[in-house]
Amino acid sequence: MLKDSKLDRRNFFKELLKKGDIIKGKAEINTDRCLCYQKTFCQLCYNRCRNNAIKIIEGLYPKVDKSKCQGCGQCESNCVKKPSAIKVYTF
């Protein structure tokens, strides 16, 4: 992250984003688009979330725990619906 004792800002922030050390945003599920809310088993967002920020309610419905979500985007990028049924809103 440091080059010759000088802070390389671009690489510094890239490394922070990779590590998940900073919160980039919060995910939100569009229940009208989500397959689970249409009674079709999917749960890819739940399986891909590296922060355990998505919980399954009543055995089928994903719900974002906003206190754990760091906005990494894994849920959004792995959603089978296009456009995605889950979106990360950045700050």
PDB file of N, CA and C in Angstrom:
ATOM      1  N   MET A   1       0.802  -1.190   0.000  1.00  0.00           N
ATOM      2  CA  MET A   1       0.000   0.000   0.000  1.00  0.00           C
ATOM      3  C   MET A   1       0.848   1.258   0.000  1.00  0.00           C
ATOM      4  N   LEU A   2       2.000   1.219   0.572  1.00  0.00           N
ATOM      5  CA  LEU A   2       2.868   2.383   0.577  1.00  0.00           C
ATOM      6  C   LEU A   2       4.017   2.154  -0.389  1.00  0.00           C
ATOM      7  N   LYS A   3       4.344   3.190  -1.127  1.00  0.00           N
ATOM      8  CA  LYS A   3       5.460   3.122  -2.057  1.00  0.00           C
ATOM      9  C   LYS A   3       6.468   4.184  -1.678  1.00  0.00           C
ATOM     10  N   ASP A   4       7.649   3.739  -1.348  1.00  0.00           N
ATOM     11  CA  ASP A   4       8.716   4.664  -0.981  1.00  0.00           C
ATOM     12  C   ASP A   4       8.259   5.684   0.057  1.00  0.00           C
ATOM     13  N   SER A   5       7.560   5.222   1.073  1.00  0.00           N
ATOM     14  CA  SER A   5       7.058   6.046   2.173  1.00  0.00           C
ATOM     15  C   SER A   5       6.034   7.093   1.743  1.00  0.00           C
ATOM     16  N   LYS A   6       5.586   7.026   0.504  1.00  0.00           N
ATOM     17  CA  LYS A   6       4.537   7.930   0.040  1.00  0.00           C
ATOM     18  C   LYS A   6       3.256   7.121  -0.098  1.00  0.00           C
ATOM     19  N   LEU A   7       2.162   7.718   0.274  1.00  0.00           N
ATOM     20  CA  LEU A   7       0.879   7.044   0.201  1.00  0.00           C
ATOM     21  C   LEU A   7       0.356   7.072  -1.233  1.00  0.00           C
ATOM     22  N   ASP A   8       0.180   5.896  -1.798  1.00  0.00           N
ATOM     23  CA  ASP A   8      -0.423   5.768  -3.120  1.00  0.00           C
ATOM     24  C   ASP A   8      -1.933   5.660  -2.891  1.00  0.00           C
ATOM     25  N   ARG A   9      -2.649   6.749  -2.974  1.00  0.00           N
ATOM     26  CA  ARG A   9      -4.063   6.816  -2.577  1.00  0.00           C
ATOM     27  C   ARG A   9      -4.943   5.835  -3.339  1.00  0.00           C
ATOM     28  N   ARG A  10      -4.755   5.741  -4.634  1.00  0.00           N
ATOM     29  CA  ARG A  10      -5.604   4.850  -5.435  1.00  0.00           C
ATOM     30  C   ARG A  10      -5.474   3.406  -4.958  1.00  0.00           C
ATOM     31  N   ASN A  11      -4.241   2.944  -4.787  1.00  0.00           N
ATOM     32  CA  ASN A  11      -4.030   1.571  -4.325  1.00  0.00           C
ATOM     33  C   ASN A  11      -4.480   1.384  -2.882  1.00  0.00           C
ATOM     34  N   PHE A  12      -4.293   2.394  -2.065  1.00  0.00           N
ATOM     35  CA  PHE A  12      -4.728   2.327  -0.679  1.00  0.00           C
ATOM     36  C   PHE A  12      -6.238   2.057  -0.609  1.00  0.00           C
ATOM     37  N   PHE A  13      -7.031   2.828  -1.350  1.00  0.00           N
ATOM     38  CA  PHE A  13      -8.474   2.652  -1.319  1.00  0.00           C
ATOM     39  C   PHE A  13      -8.901   1.356  -1.999  1.00  0.00           C
ATOM     40  N   LYS A  14      -8.188   0.943  -3.038  1.00  0.00           N
ATOM     41  CA  LYS A  14      -8.481  -0.346  -3.673  1.00  0.00           C
ATOM     42  C   LYS A  14      -8.305  -1.486  -2.680  1.00  0.00           C
ATOM     43  N   GLU A  15      -7.240  -1.440  -1.911  1.00  0.00           N
ATOM     44  CA  GLU A  15      -6.980  -2.482  -0.915  1.00  0.00           C
ATOM     45  C   GLU A  15      -8.044  -2.489   0.173  1.00  0.00           C
ATOM     46  N   LEU A  16      -8.459  -1.317   0.627  1.00  0.00           N
ATOM     47  CA  LEU A  16      -9.514  -1.245   1.627  1.00  0.00           C
ATOM     48  C   LEU A  16     -10.808  -1.843   1.096  1.00  0.00           C
ATOM     49  N   LEU A  17     -11.144  -1.525  -0.143  1.00  0.00           N
ATOM     50  CA  LEU A  17     -12.367  -2.052  -0.728  1.00  0.00           C
ATOM     51  C   LEU A  17     -12.307  -3.574  -0.848  1.00  0.00           C
ATOM     52  N   LYS A  18     -11.163  -4.118  -1.231  1.00  0.00           N
ATOM     53  CA  LYS A  18     -11.010  -5.569  -1.352  1.00  0.00           C
ATOM     54  C   LYS A  18     -11.193  -6.252  -0.017  1.00  0.00           C
ATOM     55  N   LYS A  19     -10.637  -5.673   1.017  1.00  0.00           N
ATOM     56  CA  LYS A  19     -10.688  -6.272   2.339  1.00  0.00           C
ATOM     57  C   LYS A  19     -12.055  -6.125   2.981  1.00  0.00           C
ATOM     58  N   GLY A  20     -12.861  -5.206   2.521  1.00  0.00           N
ATOM     59  CA  GLY A  20     -14.148  -4.960   3.140  1.00  0.00           C
ATOM     60  C   GLY A  20     -14.022  -4.158   4.426  1.00  0.00           C
ATOM     61  N   ASP A  21     -12.928  -3.413   4.579  1.00  0.00           N
ATOM     62  CA  ASP A  21     -12.705  -2.649   5.796  1.00  0.00           C
ATOM     63  C   ASP A  21     -13.572  -1.396   5.885  1.00  0.00           C
ATOM     64  N   ILE A  22     -14.118  -0.977   4.763  1.00  0.00           N
ATOM     65  CA  ILE A  22     -14.968   0.200   4.797  1.00  0.00           C
ATOM     66  C   ILE A  22     -16.319  -0.152   4.182  1.00  0.00           C
ATOM     67  N   ILE A  23     -17.333   0.537   4.603  1.00  0.00           N
ATOM     68  CA  ILE A  23     -18.673   0.299   4.094  1.00  0.00           C
ATOM     69  C   ILE A  23     -18.870   1.148   2.850  1.00  0.00           C
ATOM     70  N   LYS A  24     -19.264   0.500   1.772  1.00  0.00           N
ATOM     71  CA  LYS A  24     -19.421   1.172   0.488  1.00  0.00           C
ATOM     72  C   LYS A  24     -20.865   1.556   0.197  1.00  0.00           C
ATOM     73  N   GLY A  25     -21.796   0.899   0.884  1.00  0.00           N
ATOM     74  CA  GLY A  25     -23.209   1.153   0.661  1.00  0.00           C
ATOM     75  C   GLY A  25     -24.028   0.110   1.395  1.00  0.00           C
ATOM     76  N   LYS A  26     -25.296   0.021   1.039  1.00  0.00           N
ATOM     77  CA  LYS A  26     -26.200  -0.953   1.645  1.00  0.00           C
ATOM     78  C   LYS A  26     -27.040  -1.587   0.556  1.00  0.00           C
ATOM     79  N   ALA A  27     -27.254  -2.903   0.683  1.00  0.00           N
ATOM     80  CA  ALA A  27     -28.078  -3.626  -0.282  1.00  0.00           C
ATOM     81  C   ALA A  27     -29.544  -3.504   0.081  1.00  0.00           C
ATOM     82  N   GLU A  28     -30.369  -3.520  -0.949  1.00  0.00           N
ATOM     83  CA  GLU A  28     -31.809  -3.481  -0.760  1.00  0.00           C
ATOM     84  C   GLU A  28     -32.452  -4.424  -1.773  1.00  0.00           C
ATOM     85  N   ILE A  29     -33.405  -5.225  -1.308  1.00  0.00           N
ATOM     86  CA  ILE A  29     -34.060  -6.207  -2.165  1.00  0.00           C
ATOM     87  C   ILE A  29     -35.355  -5.629  -2.713  1.00  0.00           C
ATOM     88  N   ASN A  30     -35.530  -5.751  -4.034  1.00  0.00           N
ATOM     89  CA  ASN A  30     -36.783  -5.391  -4.680  1.00  0.00           C
ATOM     90  C   ASN A  30     -37.650  -6.648  -4.659  1.00  0.00           C
ATOM     91  N   THR A  31     -38.581  -6.712  -3.726  1.00  0.00           N
ATOM     92  CA  THR A  31     -39.380  -7.925  -3.544  1.00  0.00           C
ATOM     93  C   THR A  31     -40.278  -8.224  -4.740  1.00  0.00           C
ATOM     94  N   ASP A  32     -40.561  -7.217  -5.578  1.00  0.00           N
ATOM     95  CA  ASP A  32     -41.362  -7.456  -6.789  1.00  0.00           C
ATOM     96  C   ASP A  32     -40.570  -8.223  -7.841  1.00  0.00           C
ATOM     97  N   ARG A  33     -39.244  -8.121  -7.798  1.00  0.00           N
ATOM     98  CA  ARG A  33     -38.383  -8.790  -8.787  1.00  0.00           C
ATOM     99  C   ARG A  33     -37.762 -10.079  -8.267  1.00  0.00           C
ATOM    100  N   CYS A  34     -37.589 -10.196  -6.967  1.00  0.00           N
ATOM    101  CA  CYS A  34     -36.877 -11.327  -6.364  1.00  0.00           C
ATOM    102  C   CYS A  34     -37.640 -12.636  -6.582  1.00  0.00           C
ATOM    103  N   LEU A  35     -36.940 -13.650  -7.093  1.00  0.00           N
ATOM    104  CA  LEU A  35     -37.555 -14.954  -7.347  1.00  0.00           C
ATOM    105  C   LEU A  35     -38.123 -15.583  -6.083  1.00  0.00           C
ATOM    106  N   CYS A  36     -37.427 -15.425  -4.971  1.00  0.00           N
ATOM    107  CA  CYS A  36     -37.894 -16.017  -3.714  1.00  0.00           C
ATOM    108  C   CYS A  36     -39.257 -15.469  -3.308  1.00  0.00           C
ATOM    109  N   TYR A  37     -39.487 -14.193  -3.539  1.00  0.00           N
ATOM    110  CA  TYR A  37     -40.772 -13.590  -3.199  1.00  0.00           C
ATOM    111  C   TYR A  37     -41.849 -13.972  -4.204  1.00  0.00           C
ATOM    112  N   GLN A  38     -41.447 -14.628  -5.302  1.00  0.00           N
ATOM    113  CA  GLN A  38     -42.391 -15.177  -6.273  1.00  0.00           C
ATOM    114  C   GLN A  38     -42.537 -16.684  -6.064  1.00  0.00           C
ATOM    115  N   LYS A  39     -42.100 -17.134  -4.880  1.00  0.00           N
ATOM    116  CA  LYS A  39     -42.204 -18.540  -4.453  1.00  0.00           C
ATOM    117  C   LYS A  39     -41.330 -19.490  -5.286  1.00  0.00           C
ATOM    118  N   THR A  40     -40.206 -18.974  -5.804  1.00  0.00           N
ATOM    119  CA  THR A  40     -39.234 -19.793  -6.521  1.00  0.00           C
ATOM    120  C   THR A  40     -37.943 -19.807  -5.718  1.00  0.00           C
ATOM    121  N   PHE A  41     -37.504 -20.978  -5.309  1.00  0.00           N
ATOM    122  CA  PHE A  41     -36.303 -21.093  -4.483  1.00  0.00           C
ATOM    123  C   PHE A  41     -35.083 -20.635  -5.274  1.00  0.00           C
ATOM    124  N   CYS A  42     -34.315 -19.736  -4.689  1.00  0.00           N
ATOM    125  CA  CYS A  42     -33.091 -19.230  -5.331  1.00  0.00           C
ATOM    126  C   CYS A  42     -32.005 -19.061  -4.277  1.00  0.00           C
ATOM    127  N   GLN A  43     -32.069 -17.987  -3.519  1.00  0.00           N
ATOM    128  CA  GLN A  43     -31.170 -17.670  -2.415  1.00  0.00           C
ATOM    129  C   GLN A  43     -29.694 -17.518  -2.797  1.00  0.00           C
ATOM    130  N   LEU A  44     -29.416 -17.164  -4.052  1.00  0.00           N
ATOM    131  CA  LEU A  44     -28.024 -16.907  -4.452  1.00  0.00           C
ATOM    132  C   LEU A  44     -27.424 -15.738  -3.672  1.00  0.00           C
ATOM    133  N   CYS A  45     -28.212 -14.718  -3.426  1.00  0.00           N
ATOM    134  CA  CYS A  45     -27.693 -13.563  -2.679  1.00  0.00           C
ATOM    135  C   CYS A  45     -27.260 -13.996  -1.279  1.00  0.00           C
ATOM    136  N   TYR A  46     -28.055 -14.836  -0.657  1.00  0.00           N
ATOM    137  CA  TYR A  46     -27.742 -15.359   0.679  1.00  0.00           C
ATOM    138  C   TYR A  46     -26.443 -16.173   0.642  1.00  0.00           C
ATOM    139  N   ASN A  47     -26.304 -17.020  -0.357  1.00  0.00           N
ATOM    140  CA  ASN A  47     -25.113 -17.873  -0.473  1.00  0.00           C
ATOM    141  C   ASN A  47     -23.845 -17.100  -0.793  1.00  0.00           C
ATOM    142  N   ARG A  48     -23.960 -15.986  -1.485  1.00  0.00           N
ATOM    143  CA  ARG A  48     -22.790 -15.210  -1.905  1.00  0.00           C
ATOM    144  C   ARG A  48     -22.357 -14.149  -0.904  1.00  0.00           C
ATOM    145  N   CYS A  49     -23.214 -13.810   0.035  1.00  0.00           N
ATOM    146  CA  CYS A  49     -22.890 -12.730   0.974  1.00  0.00           C
ATOM    147  C   CYS A  49     -21.767 -13.162   1.914  1.00  0.00           C
ATOM    148  N   ARG A  50     -20.640 -12.458   1.835  1.00  0.00           N
ATOM    149  CA  ARG A  50     -19.472 -12.824   2.640  1.00  0.00           C
ATOM    150  C   ARG A  50     -19.521 -12.245   4.054  1.00  0.00           C
ATOM    151  N   ASN A  51     -20.500 -11.381   4.317  1.00  0.00           N
ATOM    152  CA  ASN A  51     -20.625 -10.759   5.637  1.00  0.00           C
ATOM    153  C   ASN A  51     -21.807 -11.301   6.439  1.00  0.00           C
ATOM    154  N   ASN A  52     -22.454 -12.341   5.924  1.00  0.00           N
ATOM    155  CA  ASN A  52     -23.643 -12.906   6.571  1.00  0.00           C
ATOM    156  C   ASN A  52     -24.692 -11.837   6.842  1.00  0.00           C
ATOM    157  N   ALA A  53     -24.833 -10.919   5.901  1.00  0.00           N
ATOM    158  CA  ALA A  53     -25.771  -9.812   6.068  1.00  0.00           C
ATOM    159  C   ALA A  53     -27.153 -10.141   5.525  1.00  0.00           C
ATOM    160  N   ILE A  54     -27.283 -11.281   4.865  1.00  0.00           N
ATOM    161  CA  ILE A  54     -28.588 -11.671   4.335  1.00  0.00           C
ATOM    162  C   ILE A  54     -29.076 -12.877   5.121  1.00  0.00           C
ATOM    163  N   LYS A  55     -30.253 -12.716   5.671  1.00  0.00           N
ATOM    164  CA  LYS A  55     -30.893 -13.783   6.443  1.00  0.00           C
ATOM    165  C   LYS A  55     -32.072 -14.317   5.637  1.00  0.00           C
ATOM    166  N   ILE A  56     -32.421 -15.569   5.878  1.00  0.00           N
ATOM    167  CA  ILE A  56     -33.577 -16.170   5.222  1.00  0.00           C
ATOM    168  C   ILE A  56     -34.719 -16.228   6.233  1.00  0.00           C
ATOM    169  N   ILE A  57     -35.833 -15.643   5.855  1.00  0.00           N
ATOM    170  CA  ILE A  57     -37.014 -15.572   6.703  1.00  0.00           C
ATOM    171  C   ILE A  57     -38.027 -16.615   6.226  1.00  0.00           C
ATOM    172  N   GLU A  58     -38.602 -17.328   7.153  1.00  0.00           N
ATOM    173  CA  GLU A  58     -39.618 -18.348   6.865  1.00  0.00           C
ATOM    174  C   GLU A  58     -39.129 -19.380   5.852  1.00  0.00           C
ATOM    175  N   GLY A  59     -37.822 -19.644   5.850  1.00  0.00           N
ATOM    176  CA  GLY A  59     -37.253 -20.675   4.992  1.00  0.00           C
ATOM    177  C   GLY A  59     -37.142 -20.343   3.519  1.00  0.00           C
ATOM    178  N   LEU A  60     -37.540 -19.130   3.104  1.00  0.00           N
ATOM    179  CA  LEU A  60     -37.524 -18.812   1.673  1.00  0.00           C
ATOM    180  C   LEU A  60     -37.095 -17.382   1.342  1.00  0.00           C
ATOM    181  N   TYR A  61     -37.512 -16.417   2.147  1.00  0.00           N
ATOM    182  CA  TYR A  61     -37.381 -15.009   1.768  1.00  0.00           C
ATOM    183  C   TYR A  61     -36.099 -14.362   2.292  1.00  0.00           C
ATOM    184  N   PRO A  62     -35.256 -13.838   1.386  1.00  0.00           N
ATOM    185  CA  PRO A  62     -34.050 -13.141   1.847  1.00  0.00           C
ATOM    186  C   PRO A  62     -34.390 -11.761   2.413  1.00  0.00           C
ATOM    187  N   LYS A  63     -33.649 -11.384   3.445  1.00  0.00           N
ATOM    188  CA  LYS A  63     -33.804 -10.065   4.054  1.00  0.00           C
ATOM    189  C   LYS A  63     -32.414  -9.566   4.419  1.00  0.00           C
ATOM    190  N   VAL A  64     -32.112  -8.324   4.080  1.00  0.00           N
ATOM    191  CA  VAL A  64     -30.807  -7.733   4.341  1.00  0.00           C
ATOM    192  C   VAL A  64     -30.763  -7.193   5.767  1.00  0.00           C
ATOM    193  N   ASP A  65     -29.747  -7.613   6.505  1.00  0.00           N
ATOM    194  CA  ASP A  65     -29.472  -7.049   7.828  1.00  0.00           C
ATOM    195  C   ASP A  65     -28.548  -5.856   7.583  1.00  0.00           C
ATOM    196  N   LYS A  66     -29.114  -4.681   7.581  1.00  0.00           N
ATOM    197  CA  LYS A  66     -28.352  -3.480   7.211  1.00  0.00           C
ATOM    198  C   LYS A  66     -27.220  -3.162   8.177  1.00  0.00           C
ATOM    199  N   SER A  67     -27.278  -3.706   9.379  1.00  0.00           N
ATOM    200  CA  SER A  67     -26.192  -3.469  10.329  1.00  0.00           C
ATOM    201  C   SER A  67     -24.940  -4.280   9.963  1.00  0.00           C
ATOM    202  N   LYS A  68     -25.103  -5.327   9.156  1.00  0.00           N
ATOM    203  CA  LYS A  68     -23.968  -6.157   8.743  1.00  0.00           C
ATOM    204  C   LYS A  68     -23.535  -5.916   7.299  1.00  0.00           C
ATOM    205  N   CYS A  69     -24.424  -5.367   6.491  1.00  0.00           N
ATOM    206  CA  CYS A  69     -24.129  -5.160   5.067  1.00  0.00           C
ATOM    207  C   CYS A  69     -23.051  -4.088   4.904  1.00  0.00           C
ATOM    208  N   GLN A  70     -22.024  -4.417   4.086  1.00  0.00           N
ATOM    209  CA  GLN A  70     -20.954  -3.462   3.799  1.00  0.00           C
ATOM    210  C   GLN A  70     -20.986  -2.977   2.352  1.00  0.00           C
ATOM    211  N   GLY A  71     -21.994  -3.419   1.610  1.00  0.00           N
ATOM    212  CA  GLY A  71     -22.134  -2.945   0.232  1.00  0.00           C
ATOM    213  C   GLY A  71     -21.107  -3.495  -0.728  1.00  0.00           C
ATOM    214  N   CYS A  72     -20.635  -4.714  -0.496  1.00  0.00           N
ATOM    215  CA  CYS A  72     -19.585  -5.290  -1.351  1.00  0.00           C
ATOM    216  C   CYS A  72     -20.081  -5.589  -2.767  1.00  0.00           C
ATOM    217  N   GLY A  73     -21.390  -5.829  -2.930  1.00  0.00           N
ATOM    218  CA  GLY A  73     -21.957  -6.040  -4.256  1.00  0.00           C
ATOM    219  C   GLY A  73     -22.005  -7.484  -4.725  1.00  0.00           C
ATOM    220  N   GLN A  74     -21.552  -8.428  -3.910  1.00  0.00           N
ATOM    221  CA  GLN A  74     -21.590  -9.832  -4.319  1.00  0.00           C
ATOM    222  C   GLN A  74     -23.016 -10.304  -4.555  1.00  0.00           C
ATOM    223  N   CYS A  75     -23.941  -9.863  -3.734  1.00  0.00           N
ATOM    224  CA  CYS A  75     -25.345 -10.248  -3.893  1.00  0.00           C
ATOM    225  C   CYS A  75     -25.891  -9.727  -5.225  1.00  0.00           C
ATOM    226  N   GLU A  76     -25.614  -8.477  -5.510  1.00  0.00           N
ATOM    227  CA  GLU A  76     -26.131  -7.847  -6.733  1.00  0.00           C
ATOM    228  C   GLU A  76     -25.529  -8.476  -7.986  1.00  0.00           C
ATOM    229  N   SER A  77     -24.233  -8.696  -7.982  1.00  0.00           N
ATOM    230  CA  SER A  77     -23.579  -9.219  -9.181  1.00  0.00           C
ATOM    231  C   SER A  77     -23.909 -10.693  -9.445  1.00  0.00           C
ATOM    232  N   ASN A  78     -24.358 -11.425  -8.432  1.00  0.00           N
ATOM    233  CA  ASN A  78     -24.680 -12.839  -8.611  1.00  0.00           C
ATOM    234  C   ASN A  78     -26.173 -13.118  -8.751  1.00  0.00           C
ATOM    235  N   CYS A  79     -27.006 -12.095  -8.673  1.00  0.00           N
ATOM    236  CA  CYS A  79     -28.444 -12.278  -8.825  1.00  0.00           C
ATOM    237  C   CYS A  79     -28.765 -12.752 -10.243  1.00  0.00           C
ATOM    238  N   VAL A  80     -29.642 -13.753 -10.345  1.00  0.00           N
ATOM    239  CA  VAL A  80     -29.980 -14.302 -11.667  1.00  0.00           C
ATOM    240  C   VAL A  80     -30.931 -13.399 -12.441  1.00  0.00           C
ATOM    241  N   LYS A  81     -31.644 -12.524 -11.753  1.00  0.00           N
ATOM    242  CA  LYS A  81     -32.548 -11.601 -12.431  1.00  0.00           C
ATOM    243  C   LYS A  81     -31.738 -10.456 -13.036  1.00  0.00           C
ATOM    244  N   LYS A  82     -32.123 -10.055 -14.239  1.00  0.00           N
ATOM    245  CA  LYS A  82     -31.464  -8.930 -14.897  1.00  0.00           C
ATOM    246  C   LYS A  82     -32.520  -7.948 -15.364  1.00  0.00           C
ATOM    247  N   PRO A  83     -32.543  -6.725 -14.874  1.00  0.00           N
ATOM    248  CA  PRO A  83     -31.644  -6.200 -13.863  1.00  0.00           C
ATOM    249  C   PRO A  83     -31.848  -6.902 -12.525  1.00  0.00           C
ATOM    250  N   SER A  84     -30.836  -6.820 -11.717  1.00  0.00           N
ATOM    251  CA  SER A  84     -30.784  -7.518 -10.442  1.00  0.00           C
ATOM    252  C   SER A  84     -31.949  -7.146  -9.523  1.00  0.00           C
ATOM    253  N   ALA A  85     -32.433  -8.147  -8.780  1.00  0.00           N
ATOM    254  CA  ALA A  85     -33.513  -7.908  -7.800  1.00  0.00           C
ATOM    255  C   ALA A  85     -32.973  -7.331  -6.505  1.00  0.00           C
ATOM    256  N   ILE A  86     -31.657  -7.354  -6.359  1.00  0.00           N
ATOM    257  CA  ILE A  86     -31.026  -6.763  -5.172  1.00  0.00           C
ATOM    258  C   ILE A  86     -29.995  -5.753  -5.668  1.00  0.00           C
ATOM    259  N   LYS A  87     -30.022  -4.589  -5.085  1.00  0.00           N
ATOM    260  CA  LYS A  87     -29.135  -3.518  -5.543  1.00  0.00           C
ATOM    261  C   LYS A  87     -28.429  -2.896  -4.343  1.00  0.00           C
ATOM    262  N   VAL A  88     -27.165  -2.577  -4.564  1.00  0.00           N
ATOM    263  CA  VAL A  88     -26.401  -1.879  -3.537  1.00  0.00           C
ATOM    264  C   VAL A  88     -26.464  -0.387  -3.842  1.00  0.00           C
ATOM    265  N   TYR A  89     -26.954   0.351  -2.876  1.00  0.00           N
ATOM    266  CA  TYR A  89     -27.009   1.807  -2.993  1.00  0.00           C
ATOM    267  C   TYR A  89     -25.818   2.377  -2.245  1.00  0.00           C
ATOM    268  N   THR A  90     -24.962   3.082  -2.978  1.00  0.00           N
ATOM    269  CA  THR A  90     -23.755   3.640  -2.378  1.00  0.00           C
ATOM    270  C   THR A  90     -24.075   4.963  -1.692  1.00  0.00           C
ATOM    271  N   PHE A  91     -23.193   5.347  -0.792  1.00  0.00           N
ATOM    272  CA  PHE A  91     -23.378   6.587  -0.028  1.00  0.00           C
ATOM    273  C   PHE A  91     -22.897   7.758  -0.828  1.00  0.00           C
TER     274      PHE A  91
END
